[in-house]
Amino acid sequence: MNNEFLKSTILDHLCYTTLVYQRINKKLDSVMDKLTIKNLITDCIKTADSISKNGKNYYVYNYKKNISVTINSNNFRIITVNRL
């Protein structure tokens, strides 16, 4: 699958749970509001260096921001964010 098409598909269907905001703040050791987190994730996906699918998840790697984003490939929910 074309990376640009995959980025577009993920961004079109991306969704968040209430708990994922807390998890992202904890993993990144930050205190961001929901809008800031959404903007960060969107920007990470748009400028991603690579996207891979392993099992039921997409792994989005953004080396400039030093962040990886894990997304469920079935429902496009953010699972977690990690520092690289």
PDB file of N, CA and C in Angstrom:
ATOM      1  N   MET A   1       0.849  -1.181   0.000  1.00  0.00           N
ATOM      2  CA  MET A   1       0.000   0.000   0.000  1.00  0.00           C
ATOM      3  C   MET A   1       0.894   1.244   0.000  1.00  0.00           C
ATOM      4  N   ASN A   2       0.541   2.206  -0.807  1.00  0.00           N
ATOM      5  CA  ASN A   2       1.268   3.464  -0.927  1.00  0.00           C
ATOM      6  C   ASN A   2       1.264   4.193   0.417  1.00  0.00           C
ATOM      7  N   ASN A   3       2.434   4.688   0.838  1.00  0.00           N
ATOM      8  CA  ASN A   3       2.553   5.360   2.137  1.00  0.00           C
ATOM      9  C   ASN A   3       1.677   6.607   2.238  1.00  0.00           C
ATOM     10  N   GLU A   4       1.592   7.395   1.171  1.00  0.00           N
ATOM     11  CA  GLU A   4       0.753   8.605   1.206  1.00  0.00           C
ATOM     12  C   GLU A   4      -0.725   8.239   1.321  1.00  0.00           C
ATOM     13  N   PHE A   5      -1.134   7.196   0.608  1.00  0.00           N
ATOM     14  CA  PHE A   5      -2.521   6.734   0.700  1.00  0.00           C
ATOM     15  C   PHE A   5      -2.801   6.212   2.104  1.00  0.00           C
ATOM     16  N   LEU A   6      -1.854   5.477   2.668  1.00  0.00           N
ATOM     17  CA  LEU A   6      -2.011   4.935   4.016  1.00  0.00           C
ATOM     18  C   LEU A   6      -2.093   6.060   5.047  1.00  0.00           C
ATOM     19  N   LYS A   7      -1.246   7.072   4.906  1.00  0.00           N
ATOM     20  CA  LYS A   7      -1.303   8.234   5.803  1.00  0.00           C
ATOM     21  C   LYS A   7      -2.676   8.890   5.736  1.00  0.00           C
ATOM     22  N   SER A   8      -3.168   9.084   4.518  1.00  0.00           N
ATOM     23  CA  SER A   8      -4.467   9.724   4.318  1.00  0.00           C
ATOM     24  C   SER A   8      -5.589   8.894   4.937  1.00  0.00           C
ATOM     25  N   THR A   9      -5.535   7.586   4.733  1.00  0.00           N
ATOM     26  CA  THR A   9      -6.555   6.692   5.285  1.00  0.00           C
ATOM     27  C   THR A   9      -6.548   6.738   6.806  1.00  0.00           C
ATOM     28  N   ILE A  10      -5.374   6.668   7.390  1.00  0.00           N
ATOM     29  CA  ILE A  10      -5.269   6.714   8.848  1.00  0.00           C
ATOM     30  C   ILE A  10      -5.803   8.037   9.380  1.00  0.00           C
ATOM     31  N   LEU A  11      -5.403   9.143   8.762  1.00  0.00           N
ATOM     32  CA  LEU A  11      -5.847  10.462   9.236  1.00  0.00           C
ATOM     33  C   LEU A  11      -7.353  10.642   9.102  1.00  0.00           C
ATOM     34  N   ASP A  12      -7.943  10.066   8.054  1.00  0.00           N
ATOM     35  CA  ASP A  12      -9.389  10.180   7.846  1.00  0.00           C
ATOM     36  C   ASP A  12     -10.193   9.416   8.891  1.00  0.00           C
ATOM     37  N   HIS A  13      -9.624   8.327   9.415  1.00  0.00           N
ATOM     38  CA  HIS A  13     -10.364   7.452  10.320  1.00  0.00           C
ATOM     39  C   HIS A  13      -9.868   7.465  11.760  1.00  0.00           C
ATOM     40  N   LEU A  14      -8.859   8.244  12.038  1.00  0.00           N
ATOM     41  CA  LEU A  14      -8.214   8.256  13.346  1.00  0.00           C
ATOM     42  C   LEU A  14      -9.209   8.598  14.455  1.00  0.00           C
ATOM     43  N   CYS A  15      -9.159   7.841  15.555  1.00  0.00           N
ATOM     44  CA  CYS A  15     -10.014   8.161  16.698  1.00  0.00           C
ATOM     45  C   CYS A  15      -9.258   7.914  18.000  1.00  0.00           C
ATOM     46  N   TYR A  16      -9.752   8.504  19.048  1.00  0.00           N
ATOM     47  CA  TYR A  16      -9.096   8.490  20.348  1.00  0.00           C
ATOM     48  C   TYR A  16     -10.086   8.031  21.405  1.00  0.00           C
ATOM     49  N   THR A  17      -9.582   7.353  22.425  1.00  0.00           N
ATOM     50  CA  THR A  17     -10.397   7.049  23.593  1.00  0.00           C
ATOM     51  C   THR A  17     -10.046   8.055  24.676  1.00  0.00           C
ATOM     52  N   THR A  18     -10.870   8.130  25.681  1.00  0.00           N
ATOM     53  CA  THR A  18     -10.617   9.059  26.779  1.00  0.00           C
ATOM     54  C   THR A  18      -9.315   8.719  27.494  1.00  0.00           C
ATOM     55  N   LEU A  19      -9.057   7.452  27.692  1.00  0.00           N
ATOM     56  CA  LEU A  19      -7.869   7.043  28.436  1.00  0.00           C
ATOM     57  C   LEU A  19      -6.570   7.243  27.657  1.00  0.00           C
ATOM     58  N   VAL A  20      -6.656   7.266  26.337  1.00  0.00           N
ATOM     59  CA  VAL A  20      -5.423   7.385  25.553  1.00  0.00           C
ATOM     60  C   VAL A  20      -4.754   8.747  25.759  1.00  0.00           C
ATOM     61  N   TYR A  21      -5.516   9.778  26.020  1.00  0.00           N
ATOM     62  CA  TYR A  21      -4.924  11.092  26.275  1.00  0.00           C
ATOM     63  C   TYR A  21      -4.031  11.033  27.520  1.00  0.00           C
ATOM     64  N   GLN A  22      -4.532  10.377  28.556  1.00  0.00           N
ATOM     65  CA  GLN A  22      -3.748  10.223  29.786  1.00  0.00           C
ATOM     66  C   GLN A  22      -2.504   9.375  29.527  1.00  0.00           C
ATOM     67  N   ARG A  23      -2.668   8.305  28.749  1.00  0.00           N
ATOM     68  CA  ARG A  23      -1.551   7.425  28.440  1.00  0.00           C
ATOM     69  C   ARG A  23      -0.467   8.157  27.657  1.00  0.00           C
ATOM     70  N   ILE A  24      -0.875   8.980  26.690  1.00  0.00           N
ATOM     71  CA  ILE A  24       0.083   9.738  25.884  1.00  0.00           C
ATOM     72  C   ILE A  24       0.850  10.714  26.763  1.00  0.00           C
ATOM     73  N   ASN A  25       0.152  11.427  27.621  1.00  0.00           N
ATOM     74  CA  ASN A  25       0.826  12.363  28.527  1.00  0.00           C
ATOM     75  C   ASN A  25       1.810  11.636  29.443  1.00  0.00           C
ATOM     76  N   LYS A  26       1.411  10.471  29.918  1.00  0.00           N
ATOM     77  CA  LYS A  26       2.290   9.696  30.796  1.00  0.00           C
ATOM     78  C   LYS A  26       3.523   9.214  30.036  1.00  0.00           C
ATOM     79  N   LYS A  27       3.322   8.672  28.832  1.00  0.00           N
ATOM     80  CA  LYS A  27       4.431   8.129  28.044  1.00  0.00           C
ATOM     81  C   LYS A  27       5.412   9.219  27.609  1.00  0.00           C
ATOM     82  N   LEU A  28       4.886  10.389  27.293  1.00  0.00           N
ATOM     83  CA  LEU A  28       5.734  11.488  26.835  1.00  0.00           C
ATOM     84  C   LEU A  28       6.168  12.391  27.985  1.00  0.00           C
ATOM     85  N   ASP A  29       5.742  12.045  29.199  1.00  0.00           N
ATOM     86  CA  ASP A  29       6.070  12.827  30.389  1.00  0.00           C
ATOM     87  C   ASP A  29       5.724  14.303  30.170  1.00  0.00           C
ATOM     88  N   SER A  30       4.463  14.528  29.815  1.00  0.00           N
ATOM     89  CA  SER A  30       4.011  15.885  29.511  1.00  0.00           C
ATOM     90  C   SER A  30       2.621  16.123  30.097  1.00  0.00           C
ATOM     91  N   VAL A  31       2.157  17.363  29.946  1.00  0.00           N
ATOM     92  CA  VAL A  31       0.813  17.735  30.375  1.00  0.00           C
ATOM     93  C   VAL A  31       0.194  18.532  29.234  1.00  0.00           C
ATOM     94  N   MET A  32      -0.298  17.815  28.223  1.00  0.00           N
ATOM     95  CA  MET A  32      -0.904  18.460  27.056  1.00  0.00           C
ATOM     96  C   MET A  32      -2.416  18.277  27.105  1.00  0.00           C
ATOM     97  N   ASP A  33      -3.137  19.250  26.557  1.00  0.00           N
ATOM     98  CA  ASP A  33      -4.583  19.097  26.460  1.00  0.00           C
ATOM     99  C   ASP A  33      -4.926  18.255  25.226  1.00  0.00           C
ATOM    100  N   LYS A  34      -6.195  17.922  25.085  1.00  0.00           N
ATOM    101  CA  LYS A  34      -6.627  17.031  24.004  1.00  0.00           C
ATOM    102  C   LYS A  34      -6.307  17.590  22.620  1.00  0.00           C
ATOM    103  N   LEU A  35      -6.543  18.860  22.424  1.00  0.00           N
ATOM    104  CA  LEU A  35      -6.295  19.469  21.118  1.00  0.00           C
ATOM    105  C   LEU A  35      -4.809  19.427  20.766  1.00  0.00           C
ATOM    106  N   THR A  36      -3.961  19.703  21.727  1.00  0.00           N
ATOM    107  CA  THR A  36      -2.516  19.659  21.494  1.00  0.00           C
ATOM    108  C   THR A  36      -2.074  18.242  21.134  1.00  0.00           C
ATOM    109  N   ILE A  37      -2.618  17.259  21.830  1.00  0.00           N
ATOM    110  CA  ILE A  37      -2.279  15.860  21.537  1.00  0.00           C
ATOM    111  C   ILE A  37      -2.741  15.493  20.133  1.00  0.00           C
ATOM    112  N   LYS A  38      -3.960  15.880  19.777  1.00  0.00           N
ATOM    113  CA  LYS A  38      -4.466  15.574  18.432  1.00  0.00           C
ATOM    114  C   LYS A  38      -3.595  16.213  17.355  1.00  0.00           C
ATOM    115  N   ASN A  39      -3.192  17.456  17.583  1.00  0.00           N
ATOM    116  CA  ASN A  39      -2.329  18.141  16.616  1.00  0.00           C
ATOM    117  C   ASN A  39      -0.963  17.469  16.509  1.00  0.00           C
ATOM    118  N   LEU A  40      -0.418  17.039  17.637  1.00  0.00           N
ATOM    119  CA  LEU A  40       0.868  16.347  17.644  1.00  0.00           C
ATOM    120  C   LEU A  40       0.786  15.037  16.862  1.00  0.00           C
ATOM    121  N   ILE A  41      -0.241  14.246  17.130  1.00  0.00           N
ATOM    122  CA  ILE A  41      -0.401  12.955  16.454  1.00  0.00           C
ATOM    123  C   ILE A  41      -0.624  13.157  14.960  1.00  0.00           C
ATOM    124  N   THR A  42      -1.466  14.100  14.600  1.00  0.00           N
ATOM    125  CA  THR A  42      -1.730  14.379  13.193  1.00  0.00           C
ATOM    126  C   THR A  42      -0.455  14.786  12.472  1.00  0.00           C
ATOM    127  N   ASP A  43       0.304  15.669  13.086  1.00  0.00           N
ATOM    128  CA  ASP A  43       1.562  16.111  12.491  1.00  0.00           C
ATOM    129  C   ASP A  43       2.561  14.960  12.383  1.00  0.00           C
ATOM    130  N   CYS A  44       2.622  14.108  13.399  1.00  0.00           N
ATOM    131  CA  CYS A  44       3.520  12.945  13.356  1.00  0.00           C
ATOM    132  C   CYS A  44       3.166  12.015  12.203  1.00  0.00           C
ATOM    133  N   ILE A  45       1.887  11.818  11.975  1.00  0.00           N
ATOM    134  CA  ILE A  45       1.457  10.934  10.885  1.00  0.00           C
ATOM    135  C   ILE A  45       1.728  11.582   9.535  1.00  0.00           C
ATOM    136  N   LYS A  46       1.404  12.859   9.400  1.00  0.00           N
ATOM    137  CA  LYS A  46       1.621  13.557   8.130  1.00  0.00           C
ATOM    138  C   LYS A  46       3.083  13.568   7.720  1.00  0.00           C
ATOM    139  N   THR A  47       3.980  13.713   8.691  1.00  0.00           N
ATOM    140  CA  THR A  47       5.407  13.816   8.389  1.00  0.00           C
ATOM    141  C   THR A  47       6.161  12.534   8.748  1.00  0.00           C
ATOM    142  N   ALA A  48       5.458  11.424   8.832  1.00  0.00           N
ATOM    143  CA  ALA A  48       6.066  10.149   9.240  1.00  0.00           C
ATOM    144  C   ALA A  48       7.161   9.720   8.275  1.00  0.00           C
ATOM    145  N   ASP A  49       8.225   9.171   8.844  1.00  0.00           N
ATOM    146  CA  ASP A  49       9.313   8.618   8.043  1.00  0.00           C
ATOM    147  C   ASP A  49       8.948   7.232   7.516  1.00  0.00           C
ATOM    148  N   SER A  50       8.213   6.469   8.319  1.00  0.00           N
ATOM    149  CA  SER A  50       7.781   5.149   7.864  1.00  0.00           C
ATOM    150  C   SER A  50       6.538   4.712   8.616  1.00  0.00           C
ATOM    151  N   ILE A  51       5.765   3.857   7.956  1.00  0.00           N
ATOM    152  CA  ILE A  51       4.588   3.244   8.553  1.00  0.00           C
ATOM    153  C   ILE A  51       4.658   1.763   8.223  1.00  0.00           C
ATOM    154  N   SER A  52       4.529   0.942   9.254  1.00  0.00           N
ATOM    155  CA  SER A  52       4.539  -0.496   9.013  1.00  0.00           C
ATOM    156  C   SER A  52       3.343  -1.127   9.712  1.00  0.00           C
ATOM    157  N   LYS A  53       2.911  -2.249   9.187  1.00  0.00           N
ATOM    158  CA  LYS A  53       1.827  -2.988   9.810  1.00  0.00           C
ATOM    159  C   LYS A  53       2.401  -4.301  10.305  1.00  0.00           C
ATOM    160  N   ASN A  54       2.198  -4.558  11.579  1.00  0.00           N
ATOM    161  CA  ASN A  54       2.650  -5.794  12.173  1.00  0.00           C
ATOM    162  C   ASN A  54       1.483  -6.351  12.983  1.00  0.00           C
ATOM    163  N   GLY A  55       0.943  -7.479  12.559  1.00  0.00           N
ATOM    164  CA  GLY A  55      -0.232  -8.026  13.224  1.00  0.00           C
ATOM    165  C   GLY A  55      -1.427  -7.133  12.996  1.00  0.00           C
ATOM    166  N   LYS A  56      -2.080  -6.728  14.075  1.00  0.00           N
ATOM    167  CA  LYS A  56      -3.281  -5.901  13.933  1.00  0.00           C
ATOM    168  C   LYS A  56      -3.015  -4.416  14.139  1.00  0.00           C
ATOM    169  N   ASN A  57      -1.749  -4.019  14.195  1.00  0.00           N
ATOM    170  CA  ASN A  57      -1.413  -2.623  14.461  1.00  0.00           C
ATOM    171  C   ASN A  57      -0.579  -1.991  13.365  1.00  0.00           C
ATOM    172  N   TYR A  58      -0.764  -0.679  13.219  1.00  0.00           N
ATOM    173  CA  TYR A  58       0.131   0.137  12.410  1.00  0.00           C
ATOM    174  C   TYR A  58       1.116   0.796  13.366  1.00  0.00           C
ATOM    175  N   TYR A  59       2.361   0.872  12.937  1.00  0.00           N
ATOM    176  CA  TYR A  59       3.393   1.549  13.702  1.00  0.00           C
ATOM    177  C   TYR A  59       3.910   2.700  12.855  1.00  0.00           C
ATOM    178  N   VAL A  60       3.705   3.905  13.342  1.00  0.00           N
ATOM    179  CA  VAL A  60       4.099   5.114  12.634  1.00  0.00           C
ATOM    180  C   VAL A  60       5.343   5.661  13.320  1.00  0.00           C
ATOM    181  N   TYR A  61       6.408   5.831  12.539  1.00  0.00           N
ATOM    182  CA  TYR A  61       7.670   6.314  13.086  1.00  0.00           C
ATOM    183  C   TYR A  61       7.982   7.701  12.543  1.00  0.00           C
ATOM    184  N   ASN A  62       8.216   8.636  13.459  1.00  0.00           N
ATOM    185  CA  ASN A  62       8.605   9.990  13.093  1.00  0.00           C
ATOM    186  C   ASN A  62       9.902  10.300  13.835  1.00  0.00           C
ATOM    187  N   TYR A  63      11.016  10.215  13.107  1.00  0.00           N
ATOM    188  CA  TYR A  63      12.321  10.361  13.738  1.00  0.00           C
ATOM    189  C   TYR A  63      12.657  11.815  14.072  1.00  0.00           C
ATOM    190  N   LYS A  64      12.097  12.765  13.345  1.00  0.00           N
ATOM    191  CA  LYS A  64      12.349  14.177  13.661  1.00  0.00           C
ATOM    192  C   LYS A  64      11.743  14.553  15.011  1.00  0.00           C
ATOM    193  N   LYS A  65      10.567  14.028  15.284  1.00  0.00           N
ATOM    194  CA  LYS A  65       9.904  14.298  16.559  1.00  0.00           C
ATOM    195  C   LYS A  65      10.286  13.270  17.624  1.00  0.00           C
ATOM    196  N   ASN A  66      11.014  12.230  17.201  1.00  0.00           N
ATOM    197  CA  ASN A  66      11.473  11.177  18.106  1.00  0.00           C
ATOM    198  C   ASN A  66      10.293  10.439  18.749  1.00  0.00           C
ATOM    199  N   ILE A  67       9.256  10.166  17.943  1.00  0.00           N
ATOM    200  CA  ILE A  67       8.022   9.563  18.451  1.00  0.00           C
ATOM    201  C   ILE A  67       7.574   8.420  17.537  1.00  0.00           C
ATOM    202  N   SER A  68       7.063   7.367  18.153  1.00  0.00           N
ATOM    203  CA  SER A  68       6.361   6.329  17.399  1.00  0.00           C
ATOM    204  C   SER A  68       4.924   6.278  17.906  1.00  0.00           C
ATOM    205  N   VAL A  69       3.989   6.061  16.993  1.00  0.00           N
ATOM    206  CA  VAL A  69       2.572   6.010  17.324  1.00  0.00           C
ATOM    207  C   VAL A  69       2.068   4.623  16.939  1.00  0.00           C
ATOM    208  N   THR A  70       1.375   3.964  17.859  1.00  0.00           N
ATOM    209  CA  THR A  70       0.786   2.656  17.589  1.00  0.00           C
ATOM    210  C   THR A  70      -0.711   2.839  17.406  1.00  0.00           C
ATOM    211  N   ILE A  71      -1.230   2.322  16.266  1.00  0.00           N
ATOM    212  CA  ILE A  71      -2.633   2.511  15.899  1.00  0.00           C
ATOM    213  C   ILE A  71      -3.237   1.159  15.563  1.00  0.00           C
ATOM    214  N   ASN A  72      -4.417   0.874  16.092  1.00  0.00           N
ATOM    215  CA  ASN A  72      -5.127  -0.349  15.747  1.00  0.00           C
ATOM    216  C   ASN A  72      -5.549  -0.272  14.285  1.00  0.00           C
ATOM    217  N   SER A  73      -5.220  -1.298  13.497  1.00  0.00           N
ATOM    218  CA  SER A  73      -5.496  -1.258  12.057  1.00  0.00           C
ATOM    219  C   SER A  73      -6.951  -1.544  11.714  1.00  0.00           C
ATOM    220  N   ASN A  74      -7.728  -2.074  12.658  1.00  0.00           N
ATOM    221  CA  ASN A  74      -9.136  -2.364  12.382  1.00  0.00           C
ATOM    222  C   ASN A  74     -10.038  -1.163  12.612  1.00  0.00           C
ATOM    223  N   ASN A  75      -9.827  -0.452  13.721  1.00  0.00           N
ATOM    224  CA  ASN A  75     -10.713   0.667  14.050  1.00  0.00           C
ATOM    225  C   ASN A  75      -9.993   2.013  14.071  1.00  0.00           C
ATOM    226  N   PHE A  76      -8.684   2.019  13.772  1.00  0.00           N
ATOM    227  CA  PHE A  76      -7.864   3.239  13.684  1.00  0.00           C
ATOM    228  C   PHE A  76      -7.824   4.028  14.998  1.00  0.00           C
ATOM    229  N   ARG A  77      -7.939   3.328  16.121  1.00  0.00           N
ATOM    230  CA  ARG A  77      -7.798   3.978  17.421  1.00  0.00           C
ATOM    231  C   ARG A  77      -6.323   4.053  17.796  1.00  0.00           C
ATOM    232  N   ILE A  78      -5.953   5.180  18.365  1.00  0.00           N
ATOM    233  CA  ILE A  78      -4.607   5.334  18.893  1.00  0.00           C
ATOM    234  C   ILE A  78      -4.487   4.409  20.098  1.00  0.00           C
ATOM    235  N   ILE A  79      -3.423   3.598  20.116  1.00  0.00           N
ATOM    236  CA  ILE A  79      -3.192   2.725  21.255  1.00  0.00           C
ATOM    237  C   ILE A  79      -2.213   3.374  22.217  1.00  0.00           C
ATOM    238  N   THR A  80      -1.076   3.810  21.681  1.00  0.00           N
ATOM    239  CA  THR A  80      -0.086   4.458  22.530  1.00  0.00           C
ATOM    240  C   THR A  80       0.910   5.233  21.683  1.00  0.00           C
ATOM    241  N   VAL A  81       1.709   6.019  22.360  1.00  0.00           N
ATOM    242  CA  VAL A  81       2.779   6.793  21.752  1.00  0.00           C
ATOM    243  C   VAL A  81       4.036   6.536  22.571  1.00  0.00           C
ATOM    244  N   ASN A  82       5.159   6.352  21.906  1.00  0.00           N
ATOM    245  CA  ASN A  82       6.427   6.109  22.600  1.00  0.00           C
ATOM    246  C   ASN A  82       7.509   7.030  22.084  1.00  0.00           C
ATOM    247  N   ARG A  83       8.458   7.335  22.943  1.00  0.00           N
ATOM    248  CA  ARG A  83       9.673   8.030  22.516  1.00  0.00           C
ATOM    249  C   ARG A  83      10.563   7.018  21.839  1.00  0.00           C
ATOM    250  N   LEU A  84      11.233   7.434  20.789  1.00  0.00           N
ATOM    251  CA  LEU A  84      12.167   6.534  20.110  1.00  0.00           C
ATOM    252  C   LEU A  84      13.544   6.614  20.743  1.00  0.00           C
TER     253      LEU A  84
END
